[in-house]
Amino acid sequence: MNITGHDLIMACSAIGAGLAVIAGIGPGIGQGIAAGHGAAAVGRNPGAKGDIMSTMLLGQAVAETTGLYGLVIALLLLFVKPLG
């Protein structure tokens, strides 16, 4: 088996893309926890639903950027030619 430099770079790019997509696990867990706590807060104080929901959605949007950055990096590693 003869592995060239190009093959090694392509294999490492695929492995790196897989690792980058793992970055989506953290935001998913964090958003689930935030939604659960937001629902509990609305249950305790229904009058503050608007404030609670807007704060929760803003926090979830910030948390989601990590997963999106991981996806962008994975797509770059898979579809951009590393050797020109």
PDB file of N, CA and C in Angstrom:
ATOM      1  N   MET A   1       0.851  -1.177   0.000  1.00  0.00           N
ATOM      2  CA  MET A   1       0.000   0.000   0.000  1.00  0.00           C
ATOM      3  C   MET A   1       0.895   1.237   0.000  1.00  0.00           C
ATOM      4  N   ASN A   2       0.650   2.090  -0.961  1.00  0.00           N
ATOM      5  CA  ASN A   2       1.446   3.294  -1.102  1.00  0.00           C
ATOM      6  C   ASN A   2       0.568   4.512  -0.807  1.00  0.00           C
ATOM      7  N   ILE A   3       0.823   5.152   0.312  1.00  0.00           N
ATOM      8  CA  ILE A   3       0.043   6.329   0.706  1.00  0.00           C
ATOM      9  C   ILE A   3       0.839   7.571   0.333  1.00  0.00           C
ATOM     10  N   THR A   4       0.250   8.397  -0.500  1.00  0.00           N
ATOM     11  CA  THR A   4       0.918   9.628  -0.899  1.00  0.00           C
ATOM     12  C   THR A   4       0.577  10.745   0.082  1.00  0.00           C
ATOM     13  N   GLY A   5       1.262  11.855  -0.077  1.00  0.00           N
ATOM     14  CA  GLY A   5       0.995  13.003   0.782  1.00  0.00           C
ATOM     15  C   GLY A   5      -0.414  13.539   0.611  1.00  0.00           C
ATOM     16  N   HIS A   6      -0.911  13.503  -0.628  1.00  0.00           N
ATOM     17  CA  HIS A   6      -2.273  13.973  -0.904  1.00  0.00           C
ATOM     18  C   HIS A   6      -3.297  13.094  -0.191  1.00  0.00           C
ATOM     19  N   ASP A   7      -3.092  11.785  -0.220  1.00  0.00           N
ATOM     20  CA  ASP A   7      -4.020  10.869   0.457  1.00  0.00           C
ATOM     21  C   ASP A   7      -4.021  11.101   1.960  1.00  0.00           C
ATOM     22  N   LEU A   8      -2.851  11.342   2.516  1.00  0.00           N
ATOM     23  CA  LEU A   8      -2.749  11.583   3.957  1.00  0.00           C
ATOM     24  C   LEU A   8      -3.467  12.875   4.341  1.00  0.00           C
ATOM     25  N   ILE A   9      -3.314  13.907   3.526  1.00  0.00           N
ATOM     26  CA  ILE A   9      -3.990  15.180   3.817  1.00  0.00           C
ATOM     27  C   ILE A   9      -5.500  15.023   3.724  1.00  0.00           C
ATOM     28  N   MET A  10      -5.970  14.293   2.723  1.00  0.00           N
ATOM     29  CA  MET A  10      -7.414  14.082   2.585  1.00  0.00           C
ATOM     30  C   MET A  10      -7.967  13.263   3.762  1.00  0.00           C
ATOM     31  N   ALA A  11      -7.229  12.259   4.208  1.00  0.00           N
ATOM     32  CA  ALA A  11      -7.672  11.453   5.342  1.00  0.00           C
ATOM     33  C   ALA A  11      -7.712  12.285   6.617  1.00  0.00           C
ATOM     34  N   CYS A  12      -6.689  13.097   6.821  1.00  0.00           N
ATOM     35  CA  CYS A  12      -6.668  13.953   8.018  1.00  0.00           C
ATOM     36  C   CYS A  12      -7.768  15.012   7.960  1.00  0.00           C
ATOM     37  N   SER A  13      -8.094  15.485   6.767  1.00  0.00           N
ATOM     38  CA  SER A  13      -9.194  16.448   6.621  1.00  0.00           C
ATOM     39  C   SER A  13     -10.526  15.807   6.999  1.00  0.00           C
ATOM     40  N   ALA A  14     -10.729  14.557   6.592  1.00  0.00           N
ATOM     41  CA  ALA A  14     -11.971  13.857   6.937  1.00  0.00           C
ATOM     42  C   ALA A  14     -12.070  13.614   8.444  1.00  0.00           C
ATOM     43  N   ILE A  15     -10.965  13.230   9.067  1.00  0.00           N
ATOM     44  CA  ILE A  15     -10.968  13.019  10.517  1.00  0.00           C
ATOM     45  C   ILE A  15     -11.216  14.342  11.237  1.00  0.00           C
ATOM     46  N   GLY A  16     -10.570  15.405  10.781  1.00  0.00           N
ATOM     47  CA  GLY A  16     -10.777  16.718  11.388  1.00  0.00           C
ATOM     48  C   GLY A  16     -12.206  17.202  11.242  1.00  0.00           C
ATOM     49  N   ALA A  17     -12.830  16.917  10.096  1.00  0.00           N
ATOM     50  CA  ALA A  17     -14.221  17.309   9.891  1.00  0.00           C
ATOM     51  C   ALA A  17     -15.133  16.575  10.864  1.00  0.00           C
ATOM     52  N   GLY A  18     -14.867  15.302  11.084  1.00  0.00           N
ATOM     53  CA  GLY A  18     -15.659  14.543  12.049  1.00  0.00           C
ATOM     54  C   GLY A  18     -15.507  15.088  13.457  1.00  0.00           C
ATOM     55  N   LEU A  19     -14.306  15.450  13.818  1.00  0.00           N
ATOM     56  CA  LEU A  19     -14.085  16.023  15.151  1.00  0.00           C
ATOM     57  C   LEU A  19     -14.736  17.398  15.277  1.00  0.00           C
ATOM     58  N   ALA A  20     -14.741  18.172  14.214  1.00  0.00           N
ATOM     59  CA  ALA A  20     -15.353  19.503  14.260  1.00  0.00           C
ATOM     60  C   ALA A  20     -16.861  19.410  14.450  1.00  0.00           C
ATOM     61  N   VAL A  21     -17.495  18.390  13.872  1.00  0.00           N
ATOM     62  CA  VAL A  21     -18.943  18.244  13.995  1.00  0.00           C
ATOM     63  C   VAL A  21     -19.330  17.856  15.426  1.00  0.00           C
ATOM     64  N   ILE A  22     -18.412  17.258  16.148  1.00  0.00           N
ATOM     65  CA  ILE A  22     -18.687  16.907  17.548  1.00  0.00           C
ATOM     66  C   ILE A  22     -18.962  18.169  18.369  1.00  0.00           C
ATOM     67  N   ALA A  23     -18.524  19.317  17.883  1.00  0.00           N
ATOM     68  CA  ALA A  23     -18.777  20.579  18.583  1.00  0.00           C
ATOM     69  C   ALA A  23     -20.263  20.872  18.710  1.00  0.00           C
ATOM     70  N   GLY A  24     -21.110  20.183  17.986  1.00  0.00           N
ATOM     71  CA  GLY A  24     -22.555  20.392  18.078  1.00  0.00           C
ATOM     72  C   GLY A  24     -23.194  19.747  19.289  1.00  0.00           C
ATOM     73  N   ILE A  25     -22.481  18.873  19.988  1.00  0.00           N
ATOM     74  CA  ILE A  25     -23.053  18.187  21.149  1.00  0.00           C
ATOM     75  C   ILE A  25     -23.255  19.163  22.309  1.00  0.00           C
ATOM     76  N   GLY A  26     -22.265  19.983  22.576  1.00  0.00           N
ATOM     77  CA  GLY A  26     -22.345  20.922  23.696  1.00  0.00           C
ATOM     78  C   GLY A  26     -23.495  21.900  23.589  1.00  0.00           C
ATOM     79  N   PRO A  27     -23.645  22.578  22.457  1.00  0.00           N
ATOM     80  CA  PRO A  27     -24.777  23.501  22.329  1.00  0.00           C
ATOM     81  C   PRO A  27     -26.128  22.810  22.437  1.00  0.00           C
ATOM     82  N   GLY A  28     -26.228  21.589  21.936  1.00  0.00           N
ATOM     83  CA  GLY A  28     -27.495  20.869  22.036  1.00  0.00           C
ATOM     84  C   GLY A  28     -27.876  20.592  23.480  1.00  0.00           C
ATOM     85  N   ILE A  29     -26.908  20.172  24.273  1.00  0.00           N
ATOM     86  CA  ILE A  29     -27.169  19.910  25.696  1.00  0.00           C
ATOM     87  C   ILE A  29     -27.486  21.219  26.421  1.00  0.00           C
ATOM     88  N   GLY A  30     -26.697  22.259  26.124  1.00  0.00           N
ATOM     89  CA  GLY A  30     -26.916  23.546  26.784  1.00  0.00           C
ATOM     90  C   GLY A  30     -28.266  24.154  26.461  1.00  0.00           C
ATOM     91  N   GLN A  31     -28.695  24.034  25.217  1.00  0.00           N
ATOM     92  CA  GLN A  31     -29.997  24.581  24.837  1.00  0.00           C
ATOM     93  C   GLN A  31     -31.133  23.796  25.468  1.00  0.00           C
ATOM     94  N   GLY A  32     -30.968  22.509  25.604  1.00  0.00           N
ATOM     95  CA  GLY A  32     -31.996  21.710  26.270  1.00  0.00           C
ATOM     96  C   GLY A  32     -32.139  22.079  27.739  1.00  0.00           C
ATOM     97  N   ILE A  33     -31.010  22.279  28.388  1.00  0.00           N
ATOM     98  CA  ILE A  33     -31.045  22.694  29.791  1.00  0.00           C
ATOM     99  C   ILE A  33     -31.681  24.078  29.921  1.00  0.00           C
ATOM    100  N   ALA A  34     -31.306  25.011  29.034  1.00  0.00           N
ATOM    101  CA  ALA A  34     -31.869  26.365  29.084  1.00  0.00           C
ATOM    102  C   ALA A  34     -33.375  26.343  28.852  1.00  0.00           C
ATOM    103  N   ALA A  35     -33.836  25.534  27.896  1.00  0.00           N
ATOM    104  CA  ALA A  35     -35.274  25.461  27.631  1.00  0.00           C
ATOM    105  C   ALA A  35     -36.017  24.870  28.820  1.00  0.00           C
ATOM    106  N   GLY A  36     -35.427  23.865  29.456  1.00  0.00           N
ATOM    107  CA  GLY A  36     -36.065  23.279  30.640  1.00  0.00           C
ATOM    108  C   GLY A  36     -36.177  24.265  31.781  1.00  0.00           C
ATOM    109  N   HIS A  37     -35.110  25.010  32.022  1.00  0.00           N
ATOM    110  CA  HIS A  37     -35.152  26.012  33.092  1.00  0.00           C
ATOM    111  C   HIS A  37     -36.088  27.164  32.740  1.00  0.00           C
ATOM    112  N   GLY A  38     -36.139  27.535  31.459  1.00  0.00           N
ATOM    113  CA  GLY A  38     -37.068  28.584  31.038  1.00  0.00           C
ATOM    114  C   GLY A  38     -38.516  28.163  31.235  1.00  0.00           C
ATOM    115  N   ALA A  39     -38.829  26.911  30.896  1.00  0.00           N
ATOM    116  CA  ALA A  39     -40.193  26.411  31.097  1.00  0.00           C
ATOM    117  C   ALA A  39     -40.550  26.361  32.575  1.00  0.00           C
ATOM    118  N   ALA A  40     -39.592  25.969  33.401  1.00  0.00           N
ATOM    119  CA  ALA A  40     -39.842  25.942  34.840  1.00  0.00           C
ATOM    120  C   ALA A  40     -40.058  27.352  35.389  1.00  0.00           C
ATOM    121  N   ALA A  41     -39.293  28.321  34.883  1.00  0.00           N
ATOM    122  CA  ALA A  41     -39.445  29.702  35.346  1.00  0.00           C
ATOM    123  C   ALA A  41     -40.791  30.276  34.936  1.00  0.00           C
ATOM    124  N   VAL A  42     -41.250  29.961  33.730  1.00  0.00           N
ATOM    125  CA  VAL A  42     -42.565  30.434  33.295  1.00  0.00           C
ATOM    126  C   VAL A  42     -43.656  29.775  34.121  1.00  0.00           C
ATOM    127  N   GLY A  43     -43.448  28.526  34.503  1.00  0.00           N
ATOM    128  CA  GLY A  43     -44.419  27.841  35.355  1.00  0.00           C
ATOM    129  C   GLY A  43     -44.526  28.478  36.734  1.00  0.00           C
ATOM    130  N   ARG A  44     -43.403  28.964  37.251  1.00  0.00           N
ATOM    131  CA  ARG A  44     -43.421  29.616  38.565  1.00  0.00           C
ATOM    132  C   ARG A  44     -43.983  31.027  38.494  1.00  0.00           C
ATOM    133  N   ASN A  45     -43.716  31.742  37.381  1.00  0.00           N
ATOM    134  CA  ASN A  45     -44.135  33.137  37.266  1.00  0.00           C
ATOM    135  C   ASN A  45     -44.640  33.399  35.838  1.00  0.00           C
ATOM    136  N   PRO A  46     -45.891  33.056  35.558  1.00  0.00           N
ATOM    137  CA  PRO A  46     -46.408  33.224  34.196  1.00  0.00           C
ATOM    138  C   PRO A  46     -46.466  34.677  33.727  1.00  0.00           C
ATOM    139  N   GLY A  47     -46.513  35.608  34.639  1.00  0.00           N
ATOM    140  CA  GLY A  47     -46.578  37.021  34.272  1.00  0.00           C
ATOM    141  C   GLY A  47     -45.294  37.525  33.626  1.00  0.00           C
ATOM    142  N   ALA A  48     -44.178  36.863  33.881  1.00  0.00           N
ATOM    143  CA  ALA A  48     -42.887  37.296  33.340  1.00  0.00           C
ATOM    144  C   ALA A  48     -42.487  36.478  32.111  1.00  0.00           C
ATOM    145  N   LYS A  49     -43.481  35.903  31.444  1.00  0.00           N
ATOM    146  CA  LYS A  49     -43.190  35.016  30.310  1.00  0.00           C
ATOM    147  C   LYS A  49     -42.394  35.716  29.218  1.00  0.00           C
ATOM    148  N   GLY A  50     -42.746  36.933  28.870  1.00  0.00           N
ATOM    149  CA  GLY A  50     -42.058  37.652  27.795  1.00  0.00           C
ATOM    150  C   GLY A  50     -40.583  37.880  28.100  1.00  0.00           C
ATOM    151  N   ASP A  51     -40.289  38.317  29.310  1.00  0.00           N
ATOM    152  CA  ASP A  51     -38.891  38.561  29.695  1.00  0.00           C
ATOM    153  C   ASP A  51     -38.095  37.267  29.735  1.00  0.00           C
ATOM    154  N   ILE A  52     -38.707  36.238  30.291  1.00  0.00           N
ATOM    155  CA  ILE A  52     -38.012  34.953  30.405  1.00  0.00           C
ATOM    156  C   ILE A  52     -37.719  34.375  29.032  1.00  0.00           C
ATOM    157  N   MET A  53     -38.707  34.404  28.161  1.00  0.00           N
ATOM    158  CA  MET A  53     -38.539  33.812  26.834  1.00  0.00           C
ATOM    159  C   MET A  53     -37.503  34.575  25.996  1.00  0.00           C
ATOM    160  N   SER A  54     -37.529  35.901  26.068  1.00  0.00           N
ATOM    161  CA  SER A  54     -36.566  36.667  25.271  1.00  0.00           C
ATOM    162  C   SER A  54     -35.142  36.430  25.761  1.00  0.00           C
ATOM    163  N   THR A  55     -34.947  36.377  27.067  1.00  0.00           N
ATOM    164  CA  THR A  55     -33.619  36.103  27.611  1.00  0.00           C
ATOM    165  C   THR A  55     -33.160  34.697  27.256  1.00  0.00           C
ATOM    166  N   MET A  56     -34.074  33.722  27.348  1.00  0.00           N
ATOM    167  CA  MET A  56     -33.727  32.341  27.029  1.00  0.00           C
ATOM    168  C   MET A  56     -33.356  32.202  25.547  1.00  0.00           C
ATOM    169  N   LEU A  57     -34.128  32.817  24.662  1.00  0.00           N
ATOM    170  CA  LEU A  57     -33.845  32.702  23.232  1.00  0.00           C
ATOM    171  C   LEU A  57     -32.541  33.393  22.851  1.00  0.00           C
ATOM    172  N   LEU A  58     -32.232  34.500  23.490  1.00  0.00           N
ATOM    173  CA  LEU A  58     -30.958  35.169  23.230  1.00  0.00           C
ATOM    174  C   LEU A  58     -29.794  34.282  23.661  1.00  0.00           C
ATOM    175  N   GLY A  59     -29.920  33.672  24.825  1.00  0.00           N
ATOM    176  CA  GLY A  59     -28.873  32.758  25.298  1.00  0.00           C
ATOM    177  C   GLY A  59     -28.711  31.548  24.394  1.00  0.00           C
ATOM    178  N   GLN A  60     -29.819  31.027  23.888  1.00  0.00           N
ATOM    179  CA  GLN A  60     -29.736  29.879  22.989  1.00  0.00           C
ATOM    180  C   GLN A  60     -29.107  30.262  21.649  1.00  0.00           C
ATOM    181  N   ALA A  61     -29.375  31.446  21.173  1.00  0.00           N
ATOM    182  CA  ALA A  61     -28.769  31.892  19.919  1.00  0.00           C
ATOM    183  C   ALA A  61     -27.258  32.027  20.065  1.00  0.00           C
ATOM    184  N   VAL A  62     -26.817  32.532  21.199  1.00  0.00           N
ATOM    185  CA  VAL A  62     -25.379  32.652  21.445  1.00  0.00           C
ATOM    186  C   VAL A  62     -24.744  31.266  21.557  1.00  0.00           C
ATOM    187  N   ALA A  63     -25.420  30.336  22.213  1.00  0.00           N
ATOM    188  CA  ALA A  63     -24.877  28.988  22.364  1.00  0.00           C
ATOM    189  C   ALA A  63     -24.816  28.253  21.030  1.00  0.00           C
ATOM    190  N   GLU A  64     -25.745  28.531  20.145  1.00  0.00           N
ATOM    191  CA  GLU A  64     -25.802  27.829  18.863  1.00  0.00           C
ATOM    192  C   GLU A  64     -24.644  28.202  17.952  1.00  0.00           C
ATOM    193  N   THR A  65     -24.052  29.378  18.137  1.00  0.00           N
ATOM    194  CA  THR A  65     -22.962  29.786  17.258  1.00  0.00           C
ATOM    195  C   THR A  65     -21.789  28.812  17.322  1.00  0.00           C
ATOM    196  N   THR A  66     -21.551  28.209  18.471  1.00  0.00           N
ATOM    197  CA  THR A  66     -20.455  27.245  18.587  1.00  0.00           C
ATOM    198  C   THR A  66     -20.685  26.058  17.663  1.00  0.00           C
ATOM    199  N   GLY A  67     -21.888  25.521  17.655  1.00  0.00           N
ATOM    200  CA  GLY A  67     -22.201  24.406  16.779  1.00  0.00           C
ATOM    201  C   GLY A  67     -22.123  24.781  15.315  1.00  0.00           C
ATOM    202  N   LEU A  68     -22.568  25.990  14.985  1.00  0.00           N
ATOM    203  CA  LEU A  68     -22.509  26.436  13.588  1.00  0.00           C
ATOM    204  C   LEU A  68     -21.065  26.636  13.125  1.00  0.00           C
ATOM    205  N   TYR A  69     -20.213  27.157  13.997  1.00  0.00           N
ATOM    206  CA  TYR A  69     -18.809  27.307  13.633  1.00  0.00           C
ATOM    207  C   TYR A  69     -18.173  25.938  13.387  1.00  0.00           C
ATOM    208  N   GLY A  70     -18.508  24.960  14.205  1.00  0.00           N
ATOM    209  CA  GLY A  70     -18.001  23.606  13.988  1.00  0.00           C
ATOM    210  C   GLY A  70     -18.457  23.037  12.658  1.00  0.00           C
ATOM    211  N   LEU A  71     -19.714  23.277  12.294  1.00  0.00           N
ATOM    212  CA  LEU A  71     -20.229  22.806  11.015  1.00  0.00           C
ATOM    213  C   LEU A  71     -19.528  23.493   9.844  1.00  0.00           C
ATOM    214  N   VAL A  72     -19.289  24.782   9.956  1.00  0.00           N
ATOM    215  CA  VAL A  72     -18.601  25.516   8.886  1.00  0.00           C
ATOM    216  C   VAL A  72     -17.184  24.978   8.703  1.00  0.00           C
ATOM    217  N   ILE A  73     -16.491  24.742   9.793  1.00  0.00           N
ATOM    218  CA  ILE A  73     -15.131  24.201   9.710  1.00  0.00           C
ATOM    219  C   ILE A  73     -15.152  22.820   9.070  1.00  0.00           C
ATOM    220  N   ALA A  74     -16.128  21.982   9.446  1.00  0.00           N
ATOM    221  CA  ALA A  74     -16.226  20.645   8.855  1.00  0.00           C
ATOM    222  C   ALA A  74     -16.472  20.729   7.353  1.00  0.00           C
ATOM    223  N   LEU A  75     -17.361  21.612   6.921  1.00  0.00           N
ATOM    224  CA  LEU A  75     -17.626  21.754   5.489  1.00  0.00           C
ATOM    225  C   LEU A  75     -16.400  22.276   4.741  1.00  0.00           C
ATOM    226  N   LEU A  76     -15.678  23.192   5.354  1.00  0.00           N
ATOM    227  CA  LEU A  76     -14.450  23.676   4.723  1.00  0.00           C
ATOM    228  C   LEU A  76     -13.426  22.557   4.574  1.00  0.00           C
ATOM    229  N   LEU A  77     -13.274  21.748   5.614  1.00  0.00           N
ATOM    230  CA  LEU A  77     -12.311  20.655   5.550  1.00  0.00           C
ATOM    231  C   LEU A  77     -12.690  19.610   4.507  1.00  0.00           C
ATOM    232  N   LEU A  78     -13.981  19.400   4.310  1.00  0.00           N
ATOM    233  CA  LEU A  78     -14.411  18.368   3.370  1.00  0.00           C
ATOM    234  C   LEU A  78     -14.412  18.827   1.913  1.00  0.00           C
ATOM    235  N   PHE A  79     -14.793  20.076   1.663  1.00  0.00           N
ATOM    236  CA  PHE A  79     -15.072  20.473   0.297  1.00  0.00           C
ATOM    237  C   PHE A  79     -14.111  21.500  -0.296  1.00  0.00           C
ATOM    238  N   VAL A  80     -13.218  22.053   0.482  1.00  0.00           N
ATOM    239  CA  VAL A  80     -12.233  22.986  -0.062  1.00  0.00           C
ATOM    240  C   VAL A  80     -10.958  22.177  -0.338  1.00  0.00           C
ATOM    241  N   LYS A  81     -10.423  22.313  -1.529  1.00  0.00           N
ATOM    242  CA  LYS A  81      -9.245  21.525  -1.901  1.00  0.00           C
ATOM    243  C   LYS A  81      -8.026  22.042  -1.152  1.00  0.00           C
ATOM    244  N   PRO A  82      -7.439  21.220  -0.272  1.00  0.00           N
ATOM    245  CA  PRO A  82      -6.328  21.698   0.546  1.00  0.00           C
ATOM    246  C   PRO A  82      -5.018  21.882  -0.239  1.00  0.00           C
ATOM    247  N   LEU A  83      -4.890  21.215  -1.379  1.00  0.00           N
ATOM    248  CA  LEU A  83      -3.632  21.304  -2.116  1.00  0.00           C
ATOM    249  C   LEU A  83      -3.728  22.156  -3.374  1.00  0.00           C
ATOM    250  N   GLY A  84      -4.835  22.885  -3.488  1.00  0.00           N
ATOM    251  CA  GLY A  84      -4.963  23.798  -4.617  1.00  0.00           C
ATOM    252  C   GLY A  84      -5.556  23.252  -5.823  1.00  0.00           C
TER     253      GLY A  84
END
